[in-house]
Amino acid sequence: MTKIGIIGGTGHLGSAIAWRLARAGRQVIIGSRKAEAAQDKAQELGHGLAGASNAEAAAQADIVIITVPMAAQEATLLDIKPHVAGKIVVETTVPLVPPKVMRVSLPPEGSAAMRASGLLGEGVRLTSAFHNVAAHRLAMDGVVDCDVLVFGDDKAAREAVIDLATAMDLRGVHGGALVNSAAAEAMTSLLIFINKTYAADGAGLRITGLPMTGLPAQPGS
């Protein structure tokens, strides 16, 4: 069975993704800077989750999902770099700059995904996804009314990430080349603004006009 490593998996987004995937029967390893913290979180969430250091989780996994804030991106990627050659890596990092998180602030590389590409170098099947899904919504039972845009230059790698989204009761949508990740990353700041302006509880994106195939059943349908 494919092993999935969640780097930074003790955080809100990482633990929610880990819980959803493990609940769906996937083999998941939570990673953290401290292995003990990851093991505690794995025990708390249950469903057969395991815990390890970030480097150990990356080494054991076939697919590696990065769920750390922008401030920790560089150090985290350099830590796991020796362990991810040839693997699918999913970058979820969004370039938010506190305290002005409602303003788009992309890095000089154009996006967090392109920054990750430069840090990890060639030989990694880099994708990006899960930018616009509210972590607290993922951590709850039920279908989340949000699509997951998946970017990457390797179509087969994108398909693998879409499969993970499906396992999480989400619909993955191909977003094209990795450089296009800038659109979803920027949208996160807009969604934060929308949530605050309209007192919404985790507004997300839904791509309309697509075939219904692959769309999870909606509440009440």
N, C-alpha and C. Protein backbone atom coordinates (compact mmCIF):
# COMPACT_ATOMS: atom_id res chain seq x y z
N MET A 1 0.85 -1.21 0.00
CA MET A 1 0.00 0.00 0.00
C MET A 1 0.88 1.25 0.00
N THR A 2 0.44 2.26 -0.75
CA THR A 2 1.16 3.53 -0.80
C THR A 2 1.17 4.19 0.58
N LYS A 3 2.34 4.60 1.04
CA LYS A 3 2.46 5.30 2.31
C LYS A 3 2.48 6.81 2.06
N ILE A 4 1.77 7.53 2.88
CA ILE A 4 1.67 8.97 2.74
C ILE A 4 2.26 9.63 3.98
N GLY A 5 3.22 10.52 3.79
CA GLY A 5 3.82 11.25 4.88
C GLY A 5 3.31 12.67 4.93
N ILE A 6 2.83 13.10 6.07
CA ILE A 6 2.32 14.47 6.24
C ILE A 6 3.37 15.26 7.02
N ILE A 7 4.09 16.12 6.34
CA ILE A 7 5.17 16.89 6.97
C ILE A 7 4.57 18.13 7.63
N GLY A 8 4.86 18.30 8.93
CA GLY A 8 4.17 19.34 9.67
C GLY A 8 2.77 18.89 10.04
N GLY A 9 2.62 17.59 10.23
CA GLY A 9 1.29 17.00 10.38
C GLY A 9 0.61 17.21 11.71
N THR A 10 1.28 17.88 12.65
CA THR A 10 0.61 18.18 13.92
C THR A 10 -0.18 19.50 13.86
N GLY A 11 -0.02 20.26 12.78
CA GLY A 11 -0.77 21.51 12.62
C GLY A 11 -2.20 21.25 12.19
N HIS A 12 -2.98 22.31 12.08
CA HIS A 12 -4.40 22.16 11.78
C HIS A 12 -4.64 21.49 10.43
N LEU A 13 -4.01 21.99 9.37
CA LEU A 13 -4.24 21.41 8.05
C LEU A 13 -3.65 20.01 7.96
N GLY A 14 -2.42 19.84 8.43
CA GLY A 14 -1.77 18.55 8.34
C GLY A 14 -2.53 17.46 9.08
N SER A 15 -2.97 17.75 10.30
CA SER A 15 -3.68 16.73 11.07
C SER A 15 -5.04 16.43 10.47
N ALA A 16 -5.70 17.43 9.87
CA ALA A 16 -6.99 17.19 9.23
C ALA A 16 -6.84 16.31 8.00
N ILE A 17 -5.82 16.58 7.18
CA ILE A 17 -5.55 15.74 6.00
C ILE A 17 -5.20 14.32 6.44
N ALA A 18 -4.36 14.20 7.45
CA ALA A 18 -3.95 12.89 7.94
C ALA A 18 -5.17 12.10 8.43
N TRP A 19 -6.02 12.73 9.19
CA TRP A 19 -7.21 12.08 9.74
C TRP A 19 -8.14 11.61 8.63
N ARG A 20 -8.37 12.46 7.64
CA ARG A 20 -9.28 12.09 6.54
C ARG A 20 -8.72 10.92 5.73
N LEU A 21 -7.44 10.95 5.45
CA LEU A 21 -6.84 9.89 4.66
C LEU A 21 -6.79 8.57 5.43
N ALA A 22 -6.42 8.65 6.70
CA ALA A 22 -6.35 7.44 7.52
C ALA A 22 -7.73 6.83 7.70
N ARG A 23 -8.72 7.69 7.88
CA ARG A 23 -10.09 7.21 8.04
C ARG A 23 -10.57 6.50 6.77
N ALA A 24 -10.02 6.91 5.63
CA ALA A 24 -10.38 6.29 4.35
C ALA A 24 -9.58 5.02 4.08
N GLY A 25 -8.75 4.61 5.04
CA GLY A 25 -8.01 3.38 4.91
C GLY A 25 -6.61 3.53 4.35
N ARG A 26 -6.14 4.77 4.16
CA ARG A 26 -4.78 4.99 3.65
C ARG A 26 -3.77 4.86 4.79
N GLN A 27 -2.57 4.45 4.45
CA GLN A 27 -1.49 4.32 5.42
C GLN A 27 -0.77 5.66 5.53
N VAL A 28 -0.85 6.29 6.69
CA VAL A 28 -0.39 7.67 6.85
C VAL A 28 0.58 7.79 8.03
N ILE A 29 1.65 8.53 7.79
CA ILE A 29 2.63 8.83 8.84
C ILE A 29 2.63 10.34 9.07
N ILE A 30 2.37 10.75 10.29
CA ILE A 30 2.43 12.17 10.66
C ILE A 30 3.87 12.52 11.00
N GLY A 31 4.37 13.58 10.40
CA GLY A 31 5.71 14.06 10.70
C GLY A 31 5.67 15.36 11.48
N SER A 32 6.70 15.59 12.28
CA SER A 32 6.83 16.83 13.04
C SER A 32 8.31 17.06 13.31
N ARG A 33 8.67 18.27 13.70
CA ARG A 33 10.07 18.53 14.07
C ARG A 33 10.48 17.62 15.22
N LYS A 34 9.54 17.32 16.11
CA LYS A 34 9.79 16.41 17.22
C LYS A 34 8.95 15.17 17.04
N ALA A 35 9.61 14.02 16.97
CA ALA A 35 8.89 12.76 16.73
C ALA A 35 7.86 12.50 17.82
N GLU A 36 8.17 12.89 19.06
CA GLU A 36 7.23 12.63 20.16
C GLU A 36 5.91 13.37 19.94
N ALA A 37 5.98 14.60 19.44
CA ALA A 37 4.77 15.37 19.18
C ALA A 37 3.94 14.69 18.08
N ALA A 38 4.61 14.18 17.06
CA ALA A 38 3.91 13.49 15.98
C ALA A 38 3.25 12.21 16.49
N GLN A 39 3.95 11.48 17.33
CA GLN A 39 3.39 10.24 17.88
C GLN A 39 2.19 10.53 18.77
N ASP A 40 2.25 11.59 19.55
CA ASP A 40 1.11 11.98 20.39
C ASP A 40 -0.09 12.34 19.54
N LYS A 41 0.14 13.10 18.47
CA LYS A 41 -0.96 13.49 17.58
C LYS A 41 -1.55 12.27 16.89
N ALA A 42 -0.70 11.34 16.46
CA ALA A 42 -1.18 10.13 15.80
C ALA A 42 -2.07 9.32 16.74
N GLN A 43 -1.66 9.20 17.98
CA GLN A 43 -2.46 8.47 18.96
C GLN A 43 -3.79 9.18 19.21
N GLU A 44 -3.76 10.49 19.26
CA GLU A 44 -4.98 11.28 19.48
C GLU A 44 -5.98 11.08 18.34
N LEU A 45 -5.50 11.08 17.10
CA LEU A 45 -6.39 10.99 15.94
C LEU A 45 -6.84 9.57 15.65
N GLY A 46 -6.02 8.57 16.01
CA GLY A 46 -6.41 7.19 15.81
C GLY A 46 -6.35 6.72 14.37
N HIS A 47 -7.18 5.76 14.01
CA HIS A 47 -7.29 5.21 12.65
C HIS A 47 -5.97 4.64 12.13
N GLY A 48 -5.13 4.14 13.03
CA GLY A 48 -3.90 3.50 12.61
C GLY A 48 -2.79 4.45 12.21
N LEU A 49 -2.93 5.73 12.51
CA LEU A 49 -1.89 6.70 12.18
C LEU A 49 -0.60 6.43 12.97
N ALA A 50 0.52 6.72 12.31
CA ALA A 50 1.83 6.60 12.96
C ALA A 50 2.47 7.98 13.03
N GLY A 51 3.45 8.14 13.91
CA GLY A 51 4.14 9.42 14.05
C GLY A 51 5.64 9.25 13.99
N ALA A 52 6.32 10.26 13.45
CA ALA A 52 7.78 10.23 13.31
C ALA A 52 8.28 11.65 13.13
N SER A 53 9.58 11.82 13.07
CA SER A 53 10.13 13.14 12.73
C SER A 53 9.81 13.43 11.26
N ASN A 54 9.91 14.70 10.88
CA ASN A 54 9.63 15.06 9.48
C ASN A 54 10.52 14.27 8.52
N ALA A 55 11.82 14.18 8.84
CA ALA A 55 12.75 13.47 7.95
C ALA A 55 12.40 11.99 7.87
N GLU A 56 12.06 11.39 9.00
CA GLU A 56 11.70 9.97 9.01
C GLU A 56 10.40 9.72 8.24
N ALA A 57 9.43 10.60 8.41
CA ALA A 57 8.16 10.46 7.68
C ALA A 57 8.39 10.56 6.19
N ALA A 58 9.24 11.50 5.77
CA ALA A 58 9.53 11.67 4.34
C ALA A 58 10.26 10.45 3.79
N ALA A 59 11.16 9.91 4.58
CA ALA A 59 11.94 8.75 4.13
C ALA A 59 11.07 7.52 3.97
N GLN A 60 10.08 7.35 4.84
CA GLN A 60 9.23 6.17 4.81
C GLN A 60 8.10 6.27 3.78
N ALA A 61 7.75 7.48 3.39
CA ALA A 61 6.57 7.69 2.56
C ALA A 61 6.86 7.56 1.07
N ASP A 62 5.81 7.24 0.32
CA ASP A 62 5.86 7.24 -1.15
C ASP A 62 5.37 8.58 -1.69
N ILE A 63 4.38 9.15 -1.01
CA ILE A 63 3.86 10.48 -1.33
C ILE A 63 4.04 11.36 -0.10
N VAL A 64 4.59 12.54 -0.28
CA VAL A 64 4.91 13.43 0.84
C VAL A 64 4.10 14.72 0.69
N ILE A 65 3.33 15.07 1.72
CA ILE A 65 2.51 16.27 1.70
C ILE A 65 3.08 17.28 2.69
N ILE A 66 3.44 18.46 2.20
CA ILE A 66 4.02 19.51 3.04
C ILE A 66 2.92 20.41 3.56
N THR A 67 2.78 20.50 4.89
CA THR A 67 1.73 21.33 5.48
C THR A 67 2.32 22.23 6.55
N VAL A 68 3.23 23.10 6.14
CA VAL A 68 3.87 24.03 7.08
C VAL A 68 3.62 25.46 6.62
N PRO A 69 3.69 26.43 7.53
CA PRO A 69 3.54 27.84 7.13
C PRO A 69 4.74 28.30 6.31
N MET A 70 4.56 29.41 5.61
CA MET A 70 5.60 29.94 4.74
C MET A 70 6.91 30.18 5.50
N ALA A 71 6.81 30.63 6.73
CA ALA A 71 8.01 30.93 7.51
C ALA A 71 8.87 29.70 7.75
N ALA A 72 8.26 28.52 7.74
CA ALA A 72 8.99 27.27 8.00
C ALA A 72 9.28 26.51 6.71
N GLN A 73 8.89 27.04 5.57
CA GLN A 73 9.00 26.27 4.33
C GLN A 73 10.45 25.89 4.00
N GLU A 74 11.33 26.87 3.97
CA GLU A 74 12.70 26.60 3.54
C GLU A 74 13.39 25.57 4.43
N ALA A 75 13.35 25.78 5.74
CA ALA A 75 14.02 24.86 6.65
C ALA A 75 13.43 23.46 6.56
N THR A 76 12.12 23.38 6.41
CA THR A 76 11.47 22.07 6.34
C THR A 76 11.85 21.34 5.06
N LEU A 77 11.81 22.03 3.93
CA LEU A 77 12.14 21.39 2.66
C LEU A 77 13.60 20.94 2.61
N LEU A 78 14.49 21.74 3.15
CA LEU A 78 15.90 21.35 3.16
C LEU A 78 16.12 20.14 4.08
N ASP A 79 15.31 20.04 5.13
CA ASP A 79 15.41 18.91 6.06
C ASP A 79 15.02 17.60 5.38
N ILE A 80 13.97 17.63 4.55
CA ILE A 80 13.47 16.40 3.94
C ILE A 80 14.05 16.14 2.55
N LYS A 81 14.75 17.11 1.99
CA LYS A 81 15.26 17.00 0.62
C LYS A 81 16.00 15.69 0.35
N PRO A 82 16.86 15.21 1.24
CA PRO A 82 17.58 13.97 0.95
C PRO A 82 16.68 12.74 0.83
N HIS A 83 15.41 12.87 1.23
CA HIS A 83 14.53 11.70 1.32
C HIS A 83 13.39 11.69 0.31
N VAL A 84 13.34 12.68 -0.60
CA VAL A 84 12.17 12.78 -1.48
C VAL A 84 12.49 12.64 -2.97
N ALA A 85 13.71 12.29 -3.31
CA ALA A 85 14.05 12.13 -4.73
C ALA A 85 13.16 11.08 -5.38
N GLY A 86 12.57 11.43 -6.52
CA GLY A 86 11.73 10.53 -7.26
C GLY A 86 10.32 10.37 -6.72
N LYS A 87 10.02 11.02 -5.60
CA LYS A 87 8.70 10.87 -4.98
C LYS A 87 7.76 12.01 -5.37
N ILE A 88 6.46 11.75 -5.24
CA ILE A 88 5.47 12.82 -5.40
C ILE A 88 5.46 13.65 -4.12
N VAL A 89 5.69 14.93 -4.27
CA VAL A 89 5.64 15.87 -3.15
C VAL A 89 4.51 16.86 -3.41
N VAL A 90 3.64 17.02 -2.42
CA VAL A 90 2.50 17.93 -2.54
C VAL A 90 2.75 19.13 -1.64
N GLU A 91 2.88 20.29 -2.23
CA GLU A 91 3.13 21.53 -1.47
C GLU A 91 1.80 22.24 -1.24
N THR A 92 1.45 22.45 0.02
CA THR A 92 0.21 23.16 0.36
C THR A 92 0.46 24.57 0.87
N THR A 93 1.73 24.95 0.98
CA THR A 93 2.09 26.22 1.60
C THR A 93 1.51 27.42 0.84
N VAL A 94 1.00 28.36 1.62
CA VAL A 94 0.45 29.60 1.06
C VAL A 94 1.29 30.76 1.59
N PRO A 95 1.71 31.68 0.72
CA PRO A 95 2.58 32.80 1.16
C PRO A 95 1.81 33.92 1.84
N LEU A 96 1.29 33.63 3.03
CA LEU A 96 0.62 34.67 3.82
C LEU A 96 1.66 35.44 4.62
N VAL A 97 1.49 36.76 4.71
CA VAL A 97 2.43 37.59 5.45
C VAL A 97 1.67 38.29 6.58
N PRO A 98 1.69 37.72 7.79
CA PRO A 98 1.01 38.38 8.92
C PRO A 98 1.60 39.75 9.16
N PRO A 99 0.80 40.72 9.62
CA PRO A 99 -0.61 40.55 9.96
C PRO A 99 -1.55 40.81 8.78
N LYS A 100 -1.02 41.14 7.61
CA LYS A 100 -1.86 41.50 6.46
C LYS A 100 -2.17 40.27 5.60
N VAL A 101 -2.79 39.26 6.22
CA VAL A 101 -3.04 38.00 5.52
C VAL A 101 -4.17 38.11 4.50
N MET A 102 -4.91 39.21 4.53
CA MET A 102 -5.99 39.39 3.55
C MET A 102 -5.51 40.09 2.29
N ARG A 103 -4.21 40.33 2.18
CA ARG A 103 -3.62 40.93 0.98
C ARG A 103 -2.70 39.92 0.31
N VAL A 104 -2.86 39.78 -0.99
CA VAL A 104 -2.03 38.85 -1.74
C VAL A 104 -0.57 39.29 -1.67
N SER A 105 0.31 38.36 -1.33
CA SER A 105 1.73 38.67 -1.21
C SER A 105 2.55 37.48 -1.69
N LEU A 106 2.69 37.35 -2.99
CA LEU A 106 3.43 36.23 -3.57
C LEU A 106 4.94 36.49 -3.49
N PRO A 107 5.75 35.45 -3.31
CA PRO A 107 7.20 35.62 -3.19
C PRO A 107 7.84 35.96 -4.53
N PRO A 108 9.09 36.36 -4.53
CA PRO A 108 9.77 36.73 -5.78
C PRO A 108 9.77 35.62 -6.83
N GLU A 109 9.72 34.36 -6.39
CA GLU A 109 9.70 33.23 -7.33
C GLU A 109 8.38 33.09 -8.05
N GLY A 110 7.36 33.83 -7.61
CA GLY A 110 6.04 33.79 -8.24
C GLY A 110 5.00 33.04 -7.45
N SER A 111 5.42 32.08 -6.65
CA SER A 111 4.50 31.32 -5.82
C SER A 111 5.32 30.51 -4.82
N ALA A 112 4.65 30.03 -3.78
CA ALA A 112 5.31 29.16 -2.83
C ALA A 112 5.72 27.85 -3.49
N ALA A 113 4.91 27.39 -4.44
CA ALA A 113 5.22 26.14 -5.16
C ALA A 113 6.49 26.28 -5.98
N MET A 114 6.66 27.40 -6.67
CA MET A 114 7.87 27.60 -7.47
C MET A 114 9.08 27.79 -6.56
N ARG A 115 8.87 28.38 -5.41
CA ARG A 115 9.96 28.49 -4.43
C ARG A 115 10.37 27.10 -3.96
N ALA A 116 9.38 26.26 -3.71
CA ALA A 116 9.67 24.88 -3.31
C ALA A 116 10.43 24.13 -4.39
N SER A 117 10.06 24.38 -5.64
CA SER A 117 10.74 23.73 -6.76
C SER A 117 12.23 24.08 -6.76
N GLY A 118 12.54 25.34 -6.52
CA GLY A 118 13.93 25.76 -6.47
C GLY A 118 14.69 25.15 -5.30
N LEU A 119 14.00 25.00 -4.16
CA LEU A 119 14.65 24.45 -2.97
C LEU A 119 14.87 22.94 -3.08
N LEU A 120 13.93 22.23 -3.67
CA LEU A 120 14.04 20.78 -3.76
C LEU A 120 14.86 20.32 -4.96
N GLY A 121 14.87 21.14 -6.01
CA GLY A 121 15.65 20.80 -7.19
C GLY A 121 14.99 19.75 -8.06
N GLU A 122 15.69 19.32 -9.08
CA GLU A 122 15.15 18.34 -10.03
C GLU A 122 15.07 16.96 -9.38
N GLY A 123 14.27 16.12 -9.98
CA GLY A 123 14.15 14.75 -9.49
C GLY A 123 13.00 14.53 -8.54
N VAL A 124 12.28 15.59 -8.20
CA VAL A 124 11.11 15.49 -7.33
C VAL A 124 9.87 15.73 -8.18
N ARG A 125 8.85 14.91 -8.01
CA ARG A 125 7.59 15.06 -8.77
C ARG A 125 6.69 16.02 -7.99
N LEU A 126 7.00 17.29 -8.11
CA LEU A 126 6.37 18.30 -7.27
C LEU A 126 5.00 18.70 -7.80
N THR A 127 4.03 18.72 -6.89
CA THR A 127 2.69 19.23 -7.18
C THR A 127 2.32 20.22 -6.07
N SER A 128 1.21 20.91 -6.26
CA SER A 128 0.69 21.75 -5.17
C SER A 128 -0.83 21.63 -5.16
N ALA A 129 -1.40 21.70 -3.96
CA ALA A 129 -2.85 21.50 -3.81
C ALA A 129 -3.27 21.86 -2.39
N PHE A 130 -4.59 21.81 -2.14
CA PHE A 130 -5.19 22.01 -0.82
C PHE A 130 -4.97 23.42 -0.26
N HIS A 131 -4.86 24.41 -1.15
CA HIS A 131 -4.63 25.78 -0.68
C HIS A 131 -5.90 26.44 -0.15
N ASN A 132 -7.06 26.06 -0.69
CA ASN A 132 -8.28 26.83 -0.45
C ASN A 132 -9.32 26.07 0.36
N VAL A 133 -8.89 25.02 1.05
CA VAL A 133 -9.80 24.21 1.86
C VAL A 133 -9.58 24.56 3.33
N ALA A 134 -10.64 24.95 4.02
CA ALA A 134 -10.52 25.32 5.43
C ALA A 134 -10.17 24.09 6.27
N ALA A 135 -9.09 24.19 7.04
CA ALA A 135 -8.63 23.05 7.82
C ALA A 135 -9.69 22.57 8.81
N HIS A 136 -10.38 23.50 9.43
CA HIS A 136 -11.37 23.08 10.44
C HIS A 136 -12.54 22.36 9.80
N ARG A 137 -12.82 22.65 8.52
CA ARG A 137 -13.86 21.91 7.80
C ARG A 137 -13.39 20.49 7.51
N LEU A 138 -12.15 20.34 7.13
CA LEU A 138 -11.61 19.01 6.87
C LEU A 138 -11.60 18.15 8.13
N ALA A 139 -11.47 18.78 9.27
CA ALA A 139 -11.38 18.05 10.53
C ALA A 139 -12.74 17.61 11.05
N MET A 140 -13.81 17.91 10.30
CA MET A 140 -15.16 17.54 10.71
C MET A 140 -15.69 16.44 9.81
N ASP A 141 -16.64 15.67 10.33
CA ASP A 141 -17.30 14.67 9.51
C ASP A 141 -18.10 15.33 8.40
N GLY A 142 -18.31 14.60 7.31
CA GLY A 142 -19.15 15.08 6.23
C GLY A 142 -18.38 15.61 5.05
N VAL A 143 -19.12 15.85 3.97
CA VAL A 143 -18.55 16.35 2.73
C VAL A 143 -18.22 17.84 2.88
N VAL A 144 -17.07 18.25 2.39
CA VAL A 144 -16.67 19.65 2.40
C VAL A 144 -17.02 20.25 1.04
N ASP A 145 -17.80 21.32 1.05
CA ASP A 145 -18.27 21.93 -0.20
C ASP A 145 -17.16 22.79 -0.80
N CYS A 146 -16.15 22.12 -1.34
CA CYS A 146 -15.00 22.83 -1.88
C CYS A 146 -14.25 21.91 -2.83
N ASP A 147 -13.82 22.44 -3.97
CA ASP A 147 -12.95 21.70 -4.88
C ASP A 147 -11.50 21.92 -4.49
N VAL A 148 -10.64 21.00 -4.94
CA VAL A 148 -9.21 21.10 -4.71
C VAL A 148 -8.51 21.25 -6.05
N LEU A 149 -7.93 22.39 -6.28
CA LEU A 149 -7.17 22.62 -7.51
C LEU A 149 -5.78 22.01 -7.35
N VAL A 150 -5.38 21.20 -8.31
CA VAL A 150 -4.10 20.48 -8.24
C VAL A 150 -3.22 20.92 -9.39
N PHE A 151 -2.01 21.35 -9.05
CA PHE A 151 -1.07 21.87 -10.05
C PHE A 151 0.19 21.01 -10.09
N GLY A 152 0.82 20.97 -11.24
CA GLY A 152 2.07 20.23 -11.37
C GLY A 152 2.40 19.98 -12.83
N ASP A 153 3.68 19.83 -13.12
CA ASP A 153 4.10 19.60 -14.49
C ASP A 153 4.05 18.12 -14.88
N ASP A 154 3.81 17.26 -13.90
CA ASP A 154 3.72 15.81 -14.10
C ASP A 154 2.24 15.42 -13.97
N LYS A 155 1.58 15.10 -15.08
CA LYS A 155 0.15 14.82 -15.04
C LYS A 155 -0.18 13.60 -14.20
N ALA A 156 0.66 12.57 -14.27
CA ALA A 156 0.40 11.37 -13.46
C ALA A 156 0.49 11.68 -11.97
N ALA A 157 1.40 12.57 -11.60
CA ALA A 157 1.51 12.98 -10.20
C ALA A 157 0.25 13.74 -9.79
N ARG A 158 -0.25 14.61 -10.67
CA ARG A 158 -1.49 15.32 -10.37
C ARG A 158 -2.64 14.34 -10.17
N GLU A 159 -2.70 13.32 -11.01
CA GLU A 159 -3.76 12.31 -10.89
C GLU A 159 -3.69 11.61 -9.53
N ALA A 160 -2.49 11.33 -9.06
CA ALA A 160 -2.32 10.68 -7.76
C ALA A 160 -2.84 11.57 -6.64
N VAL A 161 -2.64 12.88 -6.75
CA VAL A 161 -3.12 13.81 -5.73
C VAL A 161 -4.64 13.94 -5.82
N ILE A 162 -5.18 13.92 -7.01
CA ILE A 162 -6.64 13.94 -7.17
C ILE A 162 -7.26 12.70 -6.54
N ASP A 163 -6.58 11.57 -6.64
CA ASP A 163 -7.05 10.35 -5.98
C ASP A 163 -7.09 10.53 -4.47
N LEU A 164 -6.09 11.21 -3.92
CA LEU A 164 -6.09 11.48 -2.48
C LEU A 164 -7.26 12.38 -2.10
N ALA A 165 -7.51 13.39 -2.92
CA ALA A 165 -8.64 14.29 -2.65
C ALA A 165 -9.95 13.52 -2.65
N THR A 166 -10.11 12.61 -3.60
CA THR A 166 -11.32 11.80 -3.68
C THR A 166 -11.49 10.96 -2.41
N ALA A 167 -10.38 10.39 -1.92
CA ALA A 167 -10.43 9.61 -0.69
C ALA A 167 -10.87 10.45 0.50
N MET A 168 -10.64 11.75 0.41
CA MET A 168 -10.99 12.68 1.49
C MET A 168 -12.39 13.27 1.31
N ASP A 169 -13.18 12.73 0.36
CA ASP A 169 -14.52 13.24 0.05
C ASP A 169 -14.48 14.65 -0.51
N LEU A 170 -13.46 14.92 -1.31
CA LEU A 170 -13.33 16.19 -2.02
C LEU A 170 -13.25 15.88 -3.51
N ARG A 171 -13.41 16.89 -4.34
CA ARG A 171 -13.21 16.71 -5.77
C ARG A 171 -11.95 17.45 -6.19
N GLY A 172 -10.99 16.69 -6.74
CA GLY A 172 -9.79 17.30 -7.27
C GLY A 172 -9.99 17.73 -8.70
N VAL A 173 -9.43 18.87 -9.05
CA VAL A 173 -9.57 19.43 -10.41
C VAL A 173 -8.18 19.79 -10.92
N HIS A 174 -7.83 19.30 -12.09
CA HIS A 174 -6.54 19.64 -12.69
C HIS A 174 -6.45 21.15 -12.91
N GLY A 175 -5.38 21.75 -12.40
CA GLY A 175 -5.17 23.19 -12.57
C GLY A 175 -4.03 23.52 -13.51
N GLY A 176 -3.41 22.48 -14.09
CA GLY A 176 -2.35 22.72 -15.06
C GLY A 176 -0.96 22.78 -14.43
N ALA A 177 -0.07 23.48 -15.10
CA ALA A 177 1.35 23.51 -14.73
C ALA A 177 1.57 24.06 -13.32
N LEU A 178 2.70 23.71 -12.74
CA LEU A 178 3.01 24.14 -11.38
C LEU A 178 3.00 25.66 -11.24
N VAL A 179 3.41 26.36 -12.27
CA VAL A 179 3.43 27.82 -12.22
C VAL A 179 2.04 28.40 -11.97
N ASN A 180 1.00 27.68 -12.37
CA ASN A 180 -0.37 28.15 -12.16
C ASN A 180 -0.78 28.14 -10.69
N SER A 181 0.02 27.51 -9.85
CA SER A 181 -0.29 27.48 -8.42
C SER A 181 -0.45 28.88 -7.84
N ALA A 182 0.17 29.85 -8.46
CA ALA A 182 0.07 31.24 -7.97
C ALA A 182 -1.38 31.68 -7.86
N ALA A 183 -2.24 31.20 -8.76
CA ALA A 183 -3.64 31.62 -8.74
C ALA A 183 -4.34 31.14 -7.47
N ALA A 184 -4.15 29.87 -7.11
CA ALA A 184 -4.80 29.33 -5.92
C ALA A 184 -4.18 29.89 -4.65
N GLU A 185 -2.88 30.09 -4.66
CA GLU A 185 -2.22 30.66 -3.48
C GLU A 185 -2.72 32.07 -3.21
N ALA A 186 -2.85 32.86 -4.27
CA ALA A 186 -3.37 34.22 -4.11
C ALA A 186 -4.82 34.20 -3.65
N MET A 187 -5.60 33.23 -4.13
CA MET A 187 -7.01 33.14 -3.77
C MET A 187 -7.21 32.92 -2.27
N THR A 188 -6.24 32.33 -1.61
CA THR A 188 -6.37 32.10 -0.17
C THR A 188 -6.55 33.41 0.58
N SER A 189 -5.77 34.41 0.23
CA SER A 189 -5.93 35.72 0.88
C SER A 189 -7.31 36.31 0.60
N LEU A 190 -7.79 36.12 -0.62
CA LEU A 190 -9.13 36.61 -0.95
C LEU A 190 -10.20 35.90 -0.14
N LEU A 191 -10.04 34.59 0.05
CA LEU A 191 -11.03 33.83 0.82
C LEU A 191 -11.01 34.24 2.29
N ILE A 192 -9.84 34.54 2.82
CA ILE A 192 -9.76 35.03 4.19
C ILE A 192 -10.53 36.35 4.32
N PHE A 193 -10.35 37.22 3.33
CA PHE A 193 -11.09 38.50 3.32
C PHE A 193 -12.60 38.26 3.22
N ILE A 194 -13.00 37.36 2.32
CA ILE A 194 -14.42 37.06 2.14
C ILE A 194 -15.02 36.47 3.41
N ASN A 195 -14.30 35.56 4.03
CA ASN A 195 -14.79 34.97 5.28
C ASN A 195 -15.04 36.04 6.34
N LYS A 196 -14.10 36.98 6.45
CA LYS A 196 -14.26 38.02 7.45
C LYS A 196 -15.38 38.99 7.09
N THR A 197 -15.44 39.40 5.83
CA THR A 197 -16.43 40.38 5.40
C THR A 197 -17.86 39.87 5.54
N TYR A 198 -18.06 38.60 5.21
CA TYR A 198 -19.41 38.03 5.22
C TYR A 198 -19.67 37.11 6.40
N ALA A 199 -18.74 37.11 7.37
CA ALA A 199 -18.88 36.25 8.55
C ALA A 199 -19.13 34.81 8.13
N ALA A 200 -18.42 34.38 7.12
CA ALA A 200 -18.55 33.01 6.62
C ALA A 200 -17.65 32.07 7.43
N ASP A 201 -18.01 30.81 7.43
CA ASP A 201 -17.26 29.83 8.22
C ASP A 201 -16.53 28.86 7.30
N GLY A 202 -15.48 29.34 6.67
CA GLY A 202 -14.69 28.47 5.80
C GLY A 202 -15.16 28.43 4.37
N ALA A 203 -15.36 29.61 3.76
CA ALA A 203 -15.75 29.65 2.35
C ALA A 203 -14.66 29.01 1.50
N GLY A 204 -15.09 28.31 0.43
CA GLY A 204 -14.14 27.66 -0.45
C GLY A 204 -14.48 27.92 -1.90
N LEU A 205 -13.83 27.17 -2.79
CA LEU A 205 -14.05 27.33 -4.23
C LEU A 205 -14.76 26.12 -4.80
N ARG A 206 -15.68 26.36 -5.71
CA ARG A 206 -16.32 25.28 -6.45
C ARG A 206 -16.28 25.65 -7.92
N ILE A 207 -15.68 24.79 -8.75
CA ILE A 207 -15.60 25.03 -10.18
C ILE A 207 -16.89 24.54 -10.82
N THR A 208 -17.62 25.46 -11.43
CA THR A 208 -18.92 25.11 -12.02
C THR A 208 -18.75 24.69 -13.48
N GLY A 209 -19.78 24.02 -13.99
CA GLY A 209 -19.81 23.67 -15.39
C GLY A 209 -19.06 22.40 -15.75
N LEU A 210 -18.52 21.69 -14.73
CA LEU A 210 -17.80 20.45 -14.99
C LEU A 210 -18.76 19.26 -14.96
N PRO A 211 -18.39 18.16 -15.60
CA PRO A 211 -19.21 16.94 -15.47
C PRO A 211 -19.30 16.54 -14.00
N MET A 212 -20.40 15.95 -13.62
CA MET A 212 -20.61 15.59 -12.22
C MET A 212 -19.78 14.40 -11.78
N THR A 213 -19.16 13.69 -12.72
CA THR A 213 -18.33 12.53 -12.39
C THR A 213 -17.24 12.94 -11.41
N GLY A 214 -17.13 12.20 -10.35
CA GLY A 214 -16.08 12.47 -9.36
C GLY A 214 -16.47 13.47 -8.30
N LEU A 215 -17.68 14.03 -8.40
CA LEU A 215 -18.13 15.00 -7.42
C LEU A 215 -18.78 14.27 -6.24
N PRO A 216 -18.28 14.43 -5.04
CA PRO A 216 -18.87 13.75 -3.88
C PRO A 216 -20.32 14.19 -3.69
N ALA A 217 -21.12 13.31 -3.12
CA ALA A 217 -22.51 13.64 -2.86
C ALA A 217 -22.60 14.79 -1.88
N GLN A 218 -23.47 15.74 -2.17
CA GLN A 218 -23.64 16.89 -1.29
C GLN A 218 -24.69 16.62 -0.22
N PRO A 219 -24.56 17.26 0.92
CA PRO A 219 -25.55 17.07 1.99
C PRO A 219 -26.94 17.36 1.46
N GLY A 220 -27.86 16.43 1.73
CA GLY A 220 -29.26 16.62 1.32
C GLY A 220 -29.54 16.17 -0.08
N SER A 221 -28.50 15.68 -0.81
CA SER A 221 -28.74 15.25 -2.19
C SER A 221 -29.18 13.79 -2.24
